[in-house]
C-alpha atoms as a PDB file:
ATOM      1  CA  MET A   1     -12.213 -19.769  15.238  1.00  0.00           C
ATOM      2  CA  LYS A   2      -9.994 -16.818  16.074  1.00  0.00           C
ATOM      3  CA  ARG A   3      -9.906 -13.742  13.860  1.00  0.00           C
ATOM      4  CA  ALA A   4      -7.007 -11.471  12.920  1.00  0.00           C
ATOM      5  CA  GLY A   5      -7.678  -8.278  14.848  1.00  0.00           C
ATOM      6  CA  ILE A   6      -5.774  -4.992  14.672  1.00  0.00           C
ATOM      7  CA  ILE A   7      -4.245  -3.901  17.985  1.00  0.00           C
ATOM      8  CA  GLY A   8      -1.694  -1.334  16.823  1.00  0.00           C
ATOM      9  CA  MET A   9      -0.830   0.919  13.874  1.00  0.00           C
ATOM     10  CA  GLY A  10       1.900   3.341  12.922  1.00  0.00           C
ATOM     11  CA  TYR A  11       3.354   5.136   9.926  1.00  0.00           C
ATOM     12  CA  TYR A  12       6.350   7.146   8.814  1.00  0.00           C
ATOM     13  CA  VAL A  13       6.898   9.538   5.918  1.00  0.00           C
ATOM     14  CA  PRO A  14      10.170  11.294   5.056  1.00  0.00           C
ATOM     15  CA  GLU A  15      10.726  14.948   5.885  1.00  0.00           C
ATOM     16  CA  LYS A  16      11.427  16.131   2.353  1.00  0.00           C
ATOM     17  CA  VAL A  17       8.352  17.409   0.483  1.00  0.00           C
ATOM     18  CA  LEU A  18       8.300  17.560  -3.325  1.00  0.00           C
ATOM     19  CA  THR A  19       5.525  19.865  -4.513  1.00  0.00           C
ATOM     20  CA  ASN A  20       4.019  20.285  -7.943  1.00  0.00           C
ATOM     21  CA  ASP A  21       5.721  23.681  -8.089  1.00  0.00           C
ATOM     22  CA  ASP A  22       9.037  21.907  -7.546  1.00  0.00           C
ATOM     23  CA  LEU A  23       8.275  19.513 -10.403  1.00  0.00           C
ATOM     24  CA  GLU A  24       7.516  22.435 -12.707  1.00  0.00           C
ATOM     25  CA  LYS A  25      11.210  23.309 -12.435  1.00  0.00           C
ATOM     26  CA  MET A  26      12.264  19.737 -13.310  1.00  0.00           C
ATOM     27  CA  VAL A  27       9.995  18.648 -16.170  1.00  0.00           C
ATOM     28  CA  GLU A  28       7.441  20.170 -18.536  1.00  0.00           C
ATOM     29  CA  THR A  29       4.357  20.112 -16.348  1.00  0.00           C
ATOM     30  CA  SER A  30       2.229  22.358 -14.128  1.00  0.00           C
ATOM     31  CA  ASP A  31       0.417  22.216 -10.822  1.00  0.00           C
ATOM     32  CA  GLU A  32      -2.935  22.593 -12.608  1.00  0.00           C
ATOM     33  CA  TRP A  33      -2.162  19.741 -15.023  1.00  0.00           C
ATOM     34  CA  ILE A  34      -1.063  17.372 -12.239  1.00  0.00           C
ATOM     35  CA  VAL A  35      -3.951  18.140  -9.888  1.00  0.00           C
ATOM     36  CA  LYS A  36      -6.557  17.824 -12.635  1.00  0.00           C
ATOM     37  CA  ARG A  37      -5.283  14.416 -13.787  1.00  0.00           C
ATOM     38  CA  THR A  38      -4.180  12.859 -10.490  1.00  0.00           C
ATOM     39  CA  GLY A  39      -5.367  14.862  -7.480  1.00  0.00           C
ATOM     40  CA  ILE A  40      -1.773  15.000  -6.207  1.00  0.00           C
ATOM     41  CA  LYS A  41      -0.354  18.270  -4.836  1.00  0.00           C
ATOM     42  CA  LYS A  42       2.784  17.017  -3.105  1.00  0.00           C
ATOM     43  CA  ARG A  43       4.631  13.851  -2.136  1.00  0.00           C
ATOM     44  CA  ARG A  44       7.317  12.824   0.359  1.00  0.00           C
ATOM     45  CA  ILE A  45      10.791  11.900  -0.895  1.00  0.00           C
ATOM     46  CA  SER A  46      13.307   9.852   1.076  1.00  0.00           C
ATOM     47  CA  ALA A  47      16.752  11.273   1.731  1.00  0.00           C
ATOM     48  CA  GLU A  48      19.654  10.143  -0.433  1.00  0.00           C
ATOM     49  CA  ASN A  49      20.798   7.585   2.165  1.00  0.00           C
ATOM     50  CA  GLU A  50      17.288   6.691   3.425  1.00  0.00           C
ATOM     51  CA  TYR A  51      15.827   3.426   2.150  1.00  0.00           C
ATOM     52  CA  SER A  52      12.675   1.371   2.543  1.00  0.00           C
ATOM     53  CA  ALA A  53      13.881  -0.880   5.384  1.00  0.00           C
ATOM     54  CA  GLU A  54      14.738   2.128   7.562  1.00  0.00           C
ATOM     55  CA  MET A  55      11.328   3.684   6.939  1.00  0.00           C
ATOM     56  CA  GLY A  56       9.684   0.339   7.681  1.00  0.00           C
ATOM     57  CA  ILE A  57      11.561   0.085  10.987  1.00  0.00           C
ATOM     58  CA  LYS A  58      10.242   3.485  12.089  1.00  0.00           C
ATOM     59  CA  ALA A  59       6.654   2.604  11.169  1.00  0.00           C
ATOM     60  CA  ALA A  60       6.978  -0.787  12.889  1.00  0.00           C
ATOM     61  CA  GLN A  61       8.277   0.759  16.107  1.00  0.00           C
ATOM     62  CA  LYS A  62       5.290   3.124  16.217  1.00  0.00           C
ATOM     63  CA  ALA A  63       2.840   0.273  15.590  1.00  0.00           C
ATOM     64  CA  ILE A  64       4.384  -1.858  18.331  1.00  0.00           C
ATOM     65  CA  GLU A  65       4.257   1.049  20.778  1.00  0.00           C
ATOM     66  CA  ASN A  66       0.644   1.700  19.801  1.00  0.00           C
ATOM     67  CA  ALA A  67      -0.192  -1.992  20.319  1.00  0.00           C
ATOM     68  CA  LYS A  68       1.428  -1.951  23.783  1.00  0.00           C
ATOM     69  CA  ILE A  69       3.266  -5.212  23.175  1.00  0.00           C
ATOM     70  CA  ASN A  70       6.901  -6.257  23.340  1.00  0.00           C
ATOM     71  CA  PRO A  71       8.759  -7.043  20.090  1.00  0.00           C
ATOM     72  CA  GLU A  72       9.446 -10.503  21.523  1.00  0.00           C
ATOM     73  CA  ASP A  73       5.687 -11.200  21.310  1.00  0.00           C
ATOM     74  CA  ILE A  74       5.715 -11.065  17.494  1.00  0.00           C
ATOM     75  CA  ASP A  75       5.541 -14.456  15.758  1.00  0.00           C
ATOM     76  CA  LEU A  76       5.899 -13.284  12.156  1.00  0.00           C
ATOM     77  CA  ILE A  77       6.906 -10.169  10.232  1.00  0.00           C
ATOM     78  CA  ILE A  78       5.612  -9.754   6.678  1.00  0.00           C
ATOM     79  CA  CYS A  79       7.105  -6.850   4.759  1.00  0.00           C
ATOM     80  CA  ALA A  80       5.292  -5.771   1.597  1.00  0.00           C
ATOM     81  CA  THR A  81       7.576  -3.803  -0.719  1.00  0.00           C
ATOM     82  CA  THR A  82       8.483  -3.274  -4.354  1.00  0.00           C
ATOM     83  CA  THR A  83      11.685  -1.482  -3.367  1.00  0.00           C
ATOM     84  CA  PRO A  84      13.656  -3.650  -0.910  1.00  0.00           C
ATOM     85  CA  ASP A  85      17.114  -2.560   0.207  1.00  0.00           C
ATOM     86  CA  TYR A  86      18.623  -5.877  -0.918  1.00  0.00           C
ATOM     87  CA  PHE A  87      17.645  -9.028  -2.774  1.00  0.00           C
ATOM     88  CA  THR A  88      18.895 -10.659   0.428  1.00  0.00           C
ATOM     89  CA  PRO A  89      18.645 -10.189   3.366  1.00  0.00           C
ATOM     90  CA  SER A  90      14.969  -9.361   3.104  1.00  0.00           C
ATOM     91  CA  ASN A  91      13.560  -6.127   4.460  1.00  0.00           C
ATOM     92  CA  ALA A  92      11.588  -8.229   6.952  1.00  0.00           C
ATOM     93  CA  CYS A  93      14.822  -9.672   8.360  1.00  0.00           C
ATOM     94  CA  ILE A  94      16.381  -6.207   8.588  1.00  0.00           C
ATOM     95  CA  ILE A  95      13.279  -4.963  10.417  1.00  0.00           C
ATOM     96  CA  GLN A  96      13.321  -8.003  12.728  1.00  0.00           C
ATOM     97  CA  LYS A  97      16.934  -7.284  13.705  1.00  0.00           C
ATOM     98  CA  ASN A  98      16.361  -3.587  14.349  1.00  0.00           C
ATOM     99  CA  ILE A  99      13.180  -3.898  16.411  1.00  0.00           C
ATOM    100  CA  ASN A 100      14.586  -6.905  18.326  1.00  0.00           C
ATOM    101  CA  ALA A 101      11.721  -9.225  17.391  1.00  0.00           C
ATOM    102  CA  VAL A 102      13.943 -12.196  18.214  1.00  0.00           C
ATOM    103  CA  ASN A 103      11.161 -14.801  18.206  1.00  0.00           C
ATOM    104  CA  SER A 104       9.609 -13.940  14.847  1.00  0.00           C
ATOM    105  CA  ALA A 105       9.858 -15.467  11.421  1.00  0.00           C
ATOM    106  CA  ALA A 106      10.391 -12.923   8.651  1.00  0.00           C
ATOM    107  CA  VAL A 107       9.453 -12.774   4.978  1.00  0.00           C
ATOM    108  CA  ASP A 108       9.140 -10.178   2.203  1.00  0.00           C
ATOM    109  CA  MET A 109       6.379 -10.245  -0.378  1.00  0.00           C
ATOM    110  CA  ASN A 110       5.815  -8.276  -3.576  1.00  0.00           C
ATOM    111  CA  SER A 111       2.457  -7.685  -5.172  1.00  0.00           C
ATOM    112  CA  ALA A 112       3.314  -4.042  -5.842  1.00  0.00           C
ATOM    113  CA  CYS A 113       0.607  -1.599  -4.719  1.00  0.00           C
ATOM    114  CA  THR A 114      -1.613  -4.483  -3.577  1.00  0.00           C
ATOM    115  CA  GLY A 115       1.129  -5.601  -1.179  1.00  0.00           C
ATOM    116  CA  PHE A 116      -0.332  -4.415   2.113  1.00  0.00           C
ATOM    117  CA  VAL A 117      -3.774  -5.863   1.429  1.00  0.00           C
ATOM    118  CA  SER A 118      -2.229  -9.162   0.286  1.00  0.00           C
ATOM    119  CA  ALA A 119      -0.083  -9.297   3.436  1.00  0.00           C
ATOM    120  CA  CYS A 120      -3.175  -8.720   5.588  1.00  0.00           C
ATOM    121  CA  ILE A 121      -4.946 -11.598   3.848  1.00  0.00           C
ATOM    122  CA  MET A 122      -1.941 -13.878   4.423  1.00  0.00           C
ATOM    123  CA  THR A 123      -1.915 -12.803   8.062  1.00  0.00           C
ATOM    124  CA  GLN A 124      -5.591 -13.733   8.273  1.00  0.00           C
ATOM    125  CA  GLN A 125      -4.780 -17.294   7.205  1.00  0.00           C
ATOM    126  CA  PHE A 126      -1.923 -17.701   9.694  1.00  0.00           C
ATOM    127  CA  ILE A 127      -3.998 -16.441  12.616  1.00  0.00           C
ATOM    128  CA  GLU A 128      -7.278 -18.171  11.760  1.00  0.00           C
ATOM    129  CA  THR A 129      -5.525 -21.546  11.456  1.00  0.00           C
ATOM    130  CA  GLY A 130      -3.757 -21.003  14.758  1.00  0.00           C
ATOM    131  CA  TYR A 131      -0.312 -21.190  13.178  1.00  0.00           C
ATOM    132  CA  TYR A 132       0.670 -17.777  14.592  1.00  0.00           C
ATOM    133  CA  LYS A 133      -0.894 -15.537  17.220  1.00  0.00           C
ATOM    134  CA  THR A 134       0.711 -12.133  16.583  1.00  0.00           C
ATOM    135  CA  VAL A 135       1.826 -10.829  13.185  1.00  0.00           C
ATOM    136  CA  LEU A 136       3.447  -7.525  12.235  1.00  0.00           C
ATOM    137  CA  VAL A 137       2.652  -6.338   8.706  1.00  0.00           C
ATOM    138  CA  VAL A 138       4.916  -3.609   7.339  1.00  0.00           C
ATOM    139  CA  ALA A 139       4.455  -1.919   3.954  1.00  0.00           C
ATOM    140  CA  THR A 140       7.307   0.335   2.959  1.00  0.00           C
ATOM    141  CA  GLU A 141       8.356   1.943  -0.312  1.00  0.00           C
ATOM    142  CA  ALA A 142      11.234   4.093  -1.566  1.00  0.00           C
ATOM    143  CA  LEU A 143       9.729   4.631  -4.993  1.00  0.00           C
ATOM    144  CA  SER A 144      11.720   7.784  -5.641  1.00  0.00           C
ATOM    145  CA  LYS A 145      14.781   5.541  -5.957  1.00  0.00           C
ATOM    146  CA  ILE A 146      13.301   3.859  -9.059  1.00  0.00           C
ATOM    147  CA  THR A 147      11.511   6.880 -10.550  1.00  0.00           C
ATOM    148  CA  ASP A 148      12.887   8.680 -13.587  1.00  0.00           C
ATOM    149  CA  PHE A 149      12.477  12.371 -12.773  1.00  0.00           C
ATOM    150  CA  ASN A 150      12.884  13.210 -16.445  1.00  0.00           C
ATOM    151  CA  ASP A 151       9.662  11.351 -17.275  1.00  0.00           C
ATOM    152  CA  ARG A 152       6.649  13.525 -16.509  1.00  0.00           C
ATOM    153  CA  LYS A 153       4.248  10.607 -16.992  1.00  0.00           C
ATOM    154  CA  THR A 154       5.548   8.842 -13.892  1.00  0.00           C
ATOM    155  CA  CYS A 155       7.561  11.272 -11.763  1.00  0.00           C
ATOM    156  CA  ILE A 156       4.440  13.242 -10.828  1.00  0.00           C
ATOM    157  CA  LEU A 157       2.815  10.160  -9.299  1.00  0.00           C
ATOM    158  CA  PHE A 158       5.075   8.514  -6.775  1.00  0.00           C
ATOM    159  CA  GLY A 159       6.144   9.208  -3.205  1.00  0.00           C
ATOM    160  CA  ASP A 160       7.885   7.396  -0.347  1.00  0.00           C
ATOM    161  CA  GLY A 161       6.642   6.201   3.032  1.00  0.00           C
ATOM    162  CA  ALA A 162       5.809   3.284   5.286  1.00  0.00           C
ATOM    163  CA  GLY A 163       2.891   1.971   7.307  1.00  0.00           C
ATOM    164  CA  ALA A 164       2.670  -0.892   9.802  1.00  0.00           C
ATOM    165  CA  VAL A 165      -0.090  -2.820  11.545  1.00  0.00           C
ATOM    166  CA  VAL A 166       0.045  -5.336  14.397  1.00  0.00           C
ATOM    167  CA  PHE A 167      -2.514  -8.144  14.181  1.00  0.00           C
ATOM    168  CA  THR A 168      -3.276 -10.631  16.929  1.00  0.00           C
ATOM    169  CA  ALA A 169      -5.769 -13.442  17.481  1.00  0.00           C
ATOM    170  CA  CYS A 170      -9.109 -12.164  18.775  1.00  0.00           C
ATOM    171  CA  ASP A 171     -12.574 -13.579  19.423  1.00  0.00           C
ATOM    172  CA  LYS A 172     -14.527 -10.918  17.565  1.00  0.00           C
ATOM    173  CA  GLY A 173     -13.952  -8.149  15.068  1.00  0.00           C
ATOM    174  CA  GLY A 174     -10.818  -8.218  12.923  1.00  0.00           C
ATOM    175  CA  ILE A 175     -10.728  -9.404   9.328  1.00  0.00           C
ATOM    176  CA  ILE A 176     -14.211 -10.662   8.481  1.00  0.00           C
ATOM    177  CA  GLN A 177     -13.825 -11.408   4.770  1.00  0.00           C
ATOM    178  CA  SER A 178     -11.119 -11.071   2.132  1.00  0.00           C
ATOM    179  CA  HIS A 179     -10.510 -11.511  -1.572  1.00  0.00           C
ATOM    180  CA  MET A 180      -7.488 -11.217  -3.847  1.00  0.00           C
ATOM    181  CA  GLY A 181      -6.548 -12.099  -7.407  1.00  0.00           C
ATOM    182  CA  ALA A 182      -4.255 -11.476 -10.338  1.00  0.00           C
ATOM    183  CA  LYS A 183      -4.160 -11.184 -14.127  1.00  0.00           C
ATOM    184  CA  GLY A 184      -0.580 -11.954 -15.087  1.00  0.00           C
ATOM    185  CA  ASN A 185      -1.432 -11.533 -18.757  1.00  0.00           C
ATOM    186  CA  LEU A 186      -1.716  -7.779 -18.076  1.00  0.00           C
ATOM    187  CA  GLY A 187       1.528  -7.544 -16.113  1.00  0.00           C
ATOM    188  CA  HIS A 188       3.385  -5.889 -18.987  1.00  0.00           C
ATOM    189  CA  ASN A 189       1.481  -2.652 -18.293  1.00  0.00           C
ATOM    190  CA  ILE A 190       3.631  -1.832 -15.218  1.00  0.00           C
ATOM    191  CA  THR A 191       7.263  -2.921 -15.274  1.00  0.00           C
ATOM    192  CA  GLY A 192      10.559  -2.395 -13.508  1.00  0.00           C
ATOM    193  CA  LEU A 193      13.489  -4.723 -14.162  1.00  0.00           C
ATOM    194  CA  ALA A 194      15.653  -6.386 -11.514  1.00  0.00           C
ATOM    195  CA  ILE A 195      18.422  -8.631 -12.912  1.00  0.00           C
ATOM    196  CA  ARG A 196      16.710  -9.298 -16.235  1.00  0.00           C
ATOM    197  CA  LYS A 197      18.205  -7.724 -19.358  1.00  0.00           C
ATOM    198  CA  ASP A 198      15.536  -6.652 -21.848  1.00  0.00           C
ATOM    199  CA  ALA A 199      16.285  -4.231 -24.668  1.00  0.00           C
ATOM    200  CA  ASP A 200      12.585  -3.706 -25.408  1.00  0.00           C
ATOM    201  CA  GLU A 201      11.945  -2.633 -21.820  1.00  0.00           C
ATOM    202  CA  ASP A 202      14.939  -0.293 -21.863  1.00  0.00           C
ATOM    203  CA  ALA A 203      13.682   1.280 -25.086  1.00  0.00           C
ATOM    204  CA  LYS A 204      10.351   2.228 -23.468  1.00  0.00           C
ATOM    205  CA  ARG A 205      12.085   4.553 -21.009  1.00  0.00           C
ATOM    206  CA  LEU A 206      13.448   8.031 -21.603  1.00  0.00           C
ATOM    207  CA  SER A 207      16.516   7.065 -19.595  1.00  0.00           C
ATOM    208  CA  GLY A 208      17.003   3.738 -21.354  1.00  0.00           C
ATOM    209  CA  ASP A 209      17.289   2.156 -17.906  1.00  0.00           C
ATOM    210  CA  GLY A 210      14.887  -0.712 -17.233  1.00  0.00           C
ATOM    211  CA  ARG A 211      15.270  -0.393 -13.472  1.00  0.00           C
ATOM    212  CA  TYR A 212      13.070   2.695 -13.522  1.00  0.00           C
ATOM    213  CA  LEU A 213       9.324   2.182 -13.266  1.00  0.00           C
ATOM    214  CA  TRP A 214       7.393   2.260 -16.532  1.00  0.00           C
ATOM    215  CA  MET A 215       3.627   2.278 -16.812  1.00  0.00           C
ATOM    216  CA  ASP A 216       0.969   2.388 -19.503  1.00  0.00           C
ATOM    217  CA  GLY A 217      -1.230   4.820 -17.599  1.00  0.00           C
ATOM    218  CA  SER A 218      -4.375   4.538 -19.714  1.00  0.00           C
ATOM    219  CA  GLU A 219      -4.444   0.737 -19.567  1.00  0.00           C
ATOM    220  CA  VAL A 220      -3.769   0.689 -15.842  1.00  0.00           C
ATOM    221  CA  LEU A 221      -6.525   3.237 -15.199  1.00  0.00           C
ATOM    222  CA  LYS A 222      -9.096   1.117 -17.029  1.00  0.00           C
ATOM    223  CA  PHE A 223      -8.034  -1.998 -15.128  1.00  0.00           C
ATOM    224  CA  ALA A 224      -7.875  -0.238 -11.772  1.00  0.00           C
ATOM    225  CA  VAL A 225     -11.422   1.131 -11.676  1.00  0.00           C
ATOM    226  CA  ARG A 226     -12.860  -2.232 -12.669  1.00  0.00           C
ATOM    227  CA  ALA A 227     -10.598  -4.219 -10.319  1.00  0.00           C
ATOM    228  CA  MET A 228     -11.345  -2.131  -7.231  1.00  0.00           C
ATOM    229  CA  THR A 229     -15.065  -2.133  -7.959  1.00  0.00           C
ATOM    230  CA  ASP A 230     -15.294  -5.873  -8.656  1.00  0.00           C
ATOM    231  CA  ALA A 231     -13.096  -6.787  -5.670  1.00  0.00           C
ATOM    232  CA  THR A 232     -15.210  -4.715  -3.281  1.00  0.00           C
ATOM    233  CA  ASN A 233     -18.496  -6.069  -4.662  1.00  0.00           C
ATOM    234  CA  LYS A 234     -17.300  -9.681  -4.365  1.00  0.00           C
ATOM    235  CA  LEU A 235     -16.015  -9.043  -0.859  1.00  0.00           C
ATOM    236  CA  MET A 236     -19.349  -7.669   0.282  1.00  0.00           C
ATOM    237  CA  ALA A 237     -21.342 -10.408  -1.448  1.00  0.00           C
ATOM    238  CA  ASP A 238     -19.208 -13.100   0.215  1.00  0.00           C
ATOM    239  CA  ALA A 239     -19.770 -11.401   3.575  1.00  0.00           C
ATOM    240  CA  GLY A 240     -23.513 -11.186   2.962  1.00  0.00           C
ATOM    241  CA  LEU A 241     -23.437  -7.395   3.153  1.00  0.00           C
ATOM    242  CA  THR A 242     -23.863  -4.395   0.860  1.00  0.00           C
ATOM    243  CA  VAL A 243     -21.870  -1.184   0.524  1.00  0.00           C
ATOM    244  CA  ASP A 244     -24.488   0.477   2.744  1.00  0.00           C
ATOM    245  CA  ASP A 245     -23.130  -1.665   5.594  1.00  0.00           C
ATOM    246  CA  ILE A 246     -19.628  -0.189   5.190  1.00  0.00           C
ATOM    247  CA  ASP A 247     -18.677   2.579   7.615  1.00  0.00           C
ATOM    248  CA  TYR A 248     -15.569   3.534   5.636  1.00  0.00           C
ATOM    249  CA  LEU A 249     -13.725   2.646   2.447  1.00  0.00           C
ATOM    250  CA  VAL A 250      -9.938   3.095   2.352  1.00  0.00           C
ATOM    251  CA  PRO A 251      -8.771   2.604  -1.253  1.00  0.00           C
ATOM    252  CA  HIS A 252      -5.280   2.555  -2.707  1.00  0.00           C
ATOM    253  CA  GLN A 253      -4.182   6.145  -3.267  1.00  0.00           C
ATOM    254  CA  ALA A 254      -2.984   5.973  -6.882  1.00  0.00           C
ATOM    255  CA  ASN A 255      -5.036   8.552  -8.742  1.00  0.00           C
ATOM    256  CA  VAL A 256      -8.104  10.509  -7.653  1.00  0.00           C
ATOM    257  CA  ARG A 257      -9.799   9.709 -10.982  1.00  0.00           C
ATOM    258  CA  ILE A 258      -9.484   5.998 -10.231  1.00  0.00           C
ATOM    259  CA  ILE A 259     -10.901   6.480  -6.741  1.00  0.00           C
ATOM    260  CA  ASP A 260     -13.773   8.641  -8.011  1.00  0.00           C
ATOM    261  CA  GLY A 261     -14.558   6.129 -10.756  1.00  0.00           C
ATOM    262  CA  ALA A 262     -14.670   3.204  -8.335  1.00  0.00           C
ATOM    263  CA  VAL A 263     -16.759   5.144  -5.794  1.00  0.00           C
ATOM    264  CA  LYS A 264     -19.281   6.060  -8.493  1.00  0.00           C
ATOM    265  CA  ARG A 265     -19.564   2.456  -9.700  1.00  0.00           C
ATOM    266  CA  LEU A 266     -19.954   1.155  -6.157  1.00  0.00           C
ATOM    267  CA  GLY A 267     -22.621   3.708  -5.327  1.00  0.00           C
ATOM    268  CA  ILE A 268     -21.023   4.463  -1.971  1.00  0.00           C
ATOM    269  CA  ASP A 269     -21.334   7.850  -0.299  1.00  0.00           C
ATOM    270  CA  PRO A 270     -18.097   9.788  -1.050  1.00  0.00           C
ATOM    271  CA  GLU A 271     -18.167  11.045   2.554  1.00  0.00           C
ATOM    272  CA  LYS A 272     -17.414   7.450   3.616  1.00  0.00           C
ATOM    273  CA  VAL A 273     -14.244   7.267   1.504  1.00  0.00           C
ATOM    274  CA  PHE A 274     -10.859   8.300   2.926  1.00  0.00           C
ATOM    275  CA  VAL A 275      -8.556  10.079   0.476  1.00  0.00           C
ATOM    276  CA  ASN A 276      -5.135  11.568   1.290  1.00  0.00           C
ATOM    277  CA  ILE A 277      -3.485  11.328  -2.138  1.00  0.00           C
ATOM    278  CA  ALA A 278      -3.086  15.116  -2.361  1.00  0.00           C
ATOM    279  CA  SER A 279      -0.462  15.030   0.403  1.00  0.00           C
ATOM    280  CA  TYR A 280       1.482  11.882  -0.452  1.00  0.00           C
ATOM    281  CA  GLY A 281       0.915  10.748  -4.017  1.00  0.00           C
ATOM    282  CA  ASN A 282       1.107   7.045  -4.777  1.00  0.00           C
ATOM    283  CA  MET A 283       3.198   5.239  -2.135  1.00  0.00           C
ATOM    284  CA  ALA A 284       2.418   1.805  -3.632  1.00  0.00           C
ATOM    285  CA  ALA A 285       2.088  -0.818  -0.856  1.00  0.00           C
ATOM    286  CA  ALA A 286       2.398   1.877   1.833  1.00  0.00           C
ATOM    287  CA  SER A 287      -0.573   3.926   0.590  1.00  0.00           C
ATOM    288  CA  VAL A 288      -3.354   1.967   2.301  1.00  0.00           C
ATOM    289  CA  PRO A 289      -1.767   1.561   5.766  1.00  0.00           C
ATOM    290  CA  VAL A 290      -0.731   5.229   5.908  1.00  0.00           C
ATOM    291  CA  ALA A 291      -4.271   6.240   4.923  1.00  0.00           C
ATOM    292  CA  LEU A 292      -5.738   3.813   7.466  1.00  0.00           C
ATOM    293  CA  CYS A 293      -3.549   5.272  10.221  1.00  0.00           C
ATOM    294  CA  GLU A 294      -4.482   8.847   9.320  1.00  0.00           C
ATOM    295  CA  ALA A 295      -8.173   7.980   9.197  1.00  0.00           C
ATOM    296  CA  MET A 296      -7.971   6.489  12.703  1.00  0.00           C
ATOM    297  CA  GLU A 297      -5.911   9.397  14.067  1.00  0.00           C
ATOM    298  CA  SER A 298      -8.400  11.922  12.696  1.00  0.00           C
ATOM    299  CA  GLY A 299     -11.325  10.081  14.287  1.00  0.00           C
ATOM    300  CA  LYS A 300     -13.016   9.430  10.952  1.00  0.00           C
ATOM    301  CA  ILE A 301     -12.672   5.702  11.554  1.00  0.00           C
ATOM    302  CA  LYS A 302     -13.596   4.511  15.036  1.00  0.00           C
ATOM    303  CA  LYS A 303     -13.306   1.282  16.969  1.00  0.00           C
ATOM    304  CA  GLY A 304     -16.057  -1.102  15.882  1.00  0.00           C
ATOM    305  CA  ASP A 305     -16.415   0.413  12.399  1.00  0.00           C
ATOM    306  CA  LYS A 306     -16.607  -1.908   9.411  1.00  0.00           C
ATOM    307  CA  VAL A 307     -13.886  -0.786   7.021  1.00  0.00           C
ATOM    308  CA  VAL A 308     -13.029  -2.032   3.540  1.00  0.00           C
ATOM    309  CA  ILE A 309      -9.448  -1.705   2.347  1.00  0.00           C
ATOM    310  CA  VAL A 310      -9.012  -2.274  -1.385  1.00  0.00           C
ATOM    311  CA  SER A 311      -6.104  -1.981  -3.760  1.00  0.00           C
ATOM    312  CA  PHE A 312      -4.733  -2.859  -7.187  1.00  0.00           C
ATOM    313  CA  GLY A 313      -1.168  -3.009  -8.395  1.00  0.00           C
ATOM    314  CA  GLY A 314       1.500  -4.320 -10.693  1.00  0.00           C
ATOM    315  CA  GLY A 315       1.342  -7.900 -11.744  1.00  0.00           C
ATOM    316  CA  LEU A 316      -1.469  -7.003 -12.341  1.00  0.00           C
ATOM    317  CA  THR A 317      -3.009  -7.739  -8.952  1.00  0.00           C
ATOM    318  CA  TRP A 318      -5.885  -6.731  -6.721  1.00  0.00           C
ATOM    319  CA  GLY A 319      -7.074  -7.361  -3.173  1.00  0.00           C
ATOM    320  CA  ALA A 320      -9.729  -6.315  -0.669  1.00  0.00           C
ATOM    321  CA  ALA A 321     -10.464  -7.009   2.978  1.00  0.00           C
ATOM    322  CA  LEU A 322     -13.392  -6.216   5.270  1.00  0.00           C
ATOM    323  CA  ILE A 323     -12.151  -5.393   8.772  1.00  0.00           C
ATOM    324  CA  GLU A 324     -14.061  -4.634  11.937  1.00  0.00           C
ATOM    325  CA  MET A 325     -11.744  -2.194  13.687  1.00  0.00           C
END
């Protein structure tokens, strides 16, 4: 059976940097308060006319160039996003058009911050069954467009960016094991309305606008540490391995306290955990692929390493995958 192996990666983040000092001028907060509670020092913010599809296109082009393939070789594009440009056409179709991947199918998916990991797991199924040979996964978010910058509980957290990975059928390496799940009964802890009208949701927000993200931070934190720990432990057990067999862990970059809590519970050496949240904040679905790209570029992750990617997100959802790079 073929495996889904990574042959190319790329990422893009906007030029504009929003620092904690900048936020001090916008809401009642401080650099010390933000860093202590989240580990975030700055985040990237998309330009006024820059949206998630455009960022995804730029990340996809870099991944394709890195993979040394032609866009015509791509069989499927999966775009993971919570912030698509349109309800229709999908971001994946916009990306397909702009990179000239004329032979590919295209579909968006939304499992919030878990989106990239979920898309990788779906890619695994398509490639292992032989349905597709080459799949482009793009995770792209313009979270600043749905963030209320009057709400200090959320505006300190989120940033914009995109990451992309090209998978193709290979004989060894690639995705070895995967696991994902959801608890819809907890979904009310992170919300953002689309076409639904809901006075109760509007009332939760300072702006009164349900389209902005709202989150019960304490409840999400409790869920997140447990979800990332349990998902990683199940993944390793199913693979017949332990955390000692992992060369690197790349977790969702939501909050350094969540990452530290999960690392402590897992008993993994912190030196084997890649963290870049200080520079980007929480980029939702884009967090893991951007971190994965940076870890490879820096040489911390090398070809042949066994890497676990793990995330949690709205829904509430979680996912993890063990990949031999």
